[in-house]
C-alpha atoms as a PDB file:
ATOM      1  CA  MET A   1      -2.473   4.750  17.337  1.00  0.00           C
ATOM      2  CA  ILE A   2      -0.865   1.705  18.868  1.00  0.00           C
ATOM      3  CA  ASN A   3       1.427   2.053  21.836  1.00  0.00           C
ATOM      4  CA  ASP A   4       5.001   1.188  20.798  1.00  0.00           C
ATOM      5  CA  ARG A   5       5.224  -1.212  23.717  1.00  0.00           C
ATOM      6  CA  TYR A   6       2.552  -3.507  22.221  1.00  0.00           C
ATOM      7  CA  LYS A   7       3.117  -2.859  18.526  1.00  0.00           C
ATOM      8  CA  LYS A   8       4.985  -6.127  17.884  1.00  0.00           C
ATOM      9  CA  VAL A   9       2.299  -8.139  19.655  1.00  0.00           C
ATOM     10  CA  TYR A  10      -0.427  -6.417  17.619  1.00  0.00           C
ATOM     11  CA  GLU A  11       1.386  -7.001  14.342  1.00  0.00           C
ATOM     12  CA  ARG A  12       1.673 -10.731  15.042  1.00  0.00           C
ATOM     13  CA  GLY A  13      -2.098 -11.012  14.939  1.00  0.00           C
ATOM     14  CA  LYS A  14      -4.357 -13.623  16.460  1.00  0.00           C
ATOM     15  CA  PRO A  15      -2.612 -16.911  17.250  1.00  0.00           C
ATOM     16  CA  LYS A  16      -3.638 -19.884  15.135  1.00  0.00           C
ATOM     17  CA  HIS A  17      -3.614 -23.369  16.586  1.00  0.00           C
ATOM     18  CA  SER A  18      -3.905 -26.711  14.914  1.00  0.00           C
ATOM     19  CA  PRO A  19      -6.851 -28.814  16.100  1.00  0.00           C
ATOM     20  CA  PHE A  20      -4.603 -31.357  17.799  1.00  0.00           C
ATOM     21  CA  ASP A  21      -1.956 -29.244  19.550  1.00  0.00           C
ATOM     22  CA  ASP A  22      -1.753 -29.070  23.362  1.00  0.00           C
ATOM     23  CA  PHE A  23      -3.565 -25.745  23.614  1.00  0.00           C
ATOM     24  CA  SER A  24      -6.550 -26.826  21.504  1.00  0.00           C
ATOM     25  CA  ILE A  25      -6.909 -30.072  23.437  1.00  0.00           C
ATOM     26  CA  LYS A  26      -6.865 -28.288  26.814  1.00  0.00           C
ATOM     27  CA  HIS A  27      -9.063 -25.391  25.623  1.00  0.00           C
ATOM     28  CA  PRO A  28     -11.558 -26.615  23.012  1.00  0.00           C
ATOM     29  CA  ALA A  29     -13.630 -24.037  21.139  1.00  0.00           C
ATOM     30  CA  MET A  30     -17.029 -23.320  22.679  1.00  0.00           C
ATOM     31  CA  ASP A  31     -20.043 -23.737  20.403  1.00  0.00           C
ATOM     32  CA  LEU A  32     -22.133 -20.609  19.763  1.00  0.00           C
ATOM     33  CA  SER A  33     -25.288 -21.845  21.506  1.00  0.00           C
ATOM     34  CA  ARG A  34     -23.358 -22.360  24.743  1.00  0.00           C
ATOM     35  CA  ARG A  35     -21.734 -18.925  24.448  1.00  0.00           C
ATOM     36  CA  ALA A  36     -25.169 -17.385  23.956  1.00  0.00           C
ATOM     37  CA  LYS A  37     -26.414 -19.057  27.142  1.00  0.00           C
ATOM     38  CA  ILE A  38     -23.541 -17.559  29.108  1.00  0.00           C
ATOM     39  CA  PHE A  39     -24.253 -13.981  28.078  1.00  0.00           C
ATOM     40  CA  SER A  40     -28.060 -14.044  27.794  1.00  0.00           C
ATOM     41  CA  PRO A  41     -28.876 -13.506  31.497  1.00  0.00           C
ATOM     42  CA  PHE A  42     -26.803 -10.326  31.589  1.00  0.00           C
ATOM     43  CA  ASP A  43     -29.032  -7.261  32.001  1.00  0.00           C
ATOM     44  CA  ALA A  44     -26.937  -4.099  31.900  1.00  0.00           C
ATOM     45  CA  LEU A  45     -29.875  -1.760  32.480  1.00  0.00           C
ATOM     46  CA  LYS A  46     -32.032  -3.356  35.151  1.00  0.00           C
ATOM     47  CA  GLY A  47     -35.655  -2.263  34.874  1.00  0.00           C
ATOM     48  CA  PHE A  48     -35.160  -0.591  31.499  1.00  0.00           C
ATOM     49  CA  ASN A  49     -37.561  -2.868  29.609  1.00  0.00           C
ATOM     50  CA  GLU A  50     -40.246  -2.453  32.284  1.00  0.00           C
ATOM     51  CA  GLU A  51     -39.893   1.341  32.173  1.00  0.00           C
ATOM     52  CA  ILE A  52     -40.203   1.372  28.380  1.00  0.00           C
ATOM     53  CA  ALA A  53     -43.334  -0.807  28.581  1.00  0.00           C
ATOM     54  CA  SER A  54     -44.968   1.435  31.199  1.00  0.00           C
ATOM     55  CA  THR A  55     -44.124   4.560  29.180  1.00  0.00           C
ATOM     56  CA  GLU A  56     -45.625   2.983  26.074  1.00  0.00           C
ATOM     57  CA  GLN A  57     -48.812   2.075  27.939  1.00  0.00           C
ATOM     58  CA  SER A  58     -49.218   5.577  29.367  1.00  0.00           C
ATOM     59  CA  PHE A  59     -48.571   7.098  25.927  1.00  0.00           C
ATOM     60  CA  GLU A  60     -51.197   4.879  24.330  1.00  0.00           C
ATOM     61  CA  ALA A  61     -53.681   5.693  27.093  1.00  0.00           C
ATOM     62  CA  ASN A  62     -53.159   9.445  26.671  1.00  0.00           C
ATOM     63  CA  TYR A  63     -53.047   9.658  22.883  1.00  0.00           C
ATOM     64  CA  SER A  64     -55.086   6.722  21.594  1.00  0.00           C
ATOM     65  CA  ASP A  65     -58.268   8.800  21.210  1.00  0.00           C
ATOM     66  CA  LEU A  66     -56.644  11.422  18.962  1.00  0.00           C
ATOM     67  CA  GLU A  67     -57.290  11.198  15.255  1.00  0.00           C
ATOM     68  CA  HIS A  68     -54.502  11.265  12.774  1.00  0.00           C
ATOM     69  CA  VAL A  69     -54.437  14.681  11.123  1.00  0.00           C
ATOM     70  CA  PRO A  70     -52.298  14.863   8.003  1.00  0.00           C
ATOM     71  CA  ALA A  71     -49.888  17.772   7.738  1.00  0.00           C
ATOM     72  CA  GLU A  72     -50.905  20.579   5.441  1.00  0.00           C
ATOM     73  CA  GLU A  73     -48.936  20.808   2.269  1.00  0.00           C
ATOM     74  CA  TYR A  74     -47.672  24.175   1.159  1.00  0.00           C
ATOM     75  CA  PRO A  75     -47.812  25.082  -2.532  1.00  0.00           C
END
């Protein structure tokens, strides 16, 4: 549910600018490769990938010698 205070703003939708108006000239659109470079160094969970890798290695070390035993089927 939209707050009544912002309902009119929401209903107007996203503003659309022509390519040659003042706003578009001052604030040109950023290409996707540059946007990707801005957000790529962000690591929300520091050390998460390293912890997953160490857990995977310990799992493989502990269970790599077990043979695969198929589950028994019930009639």
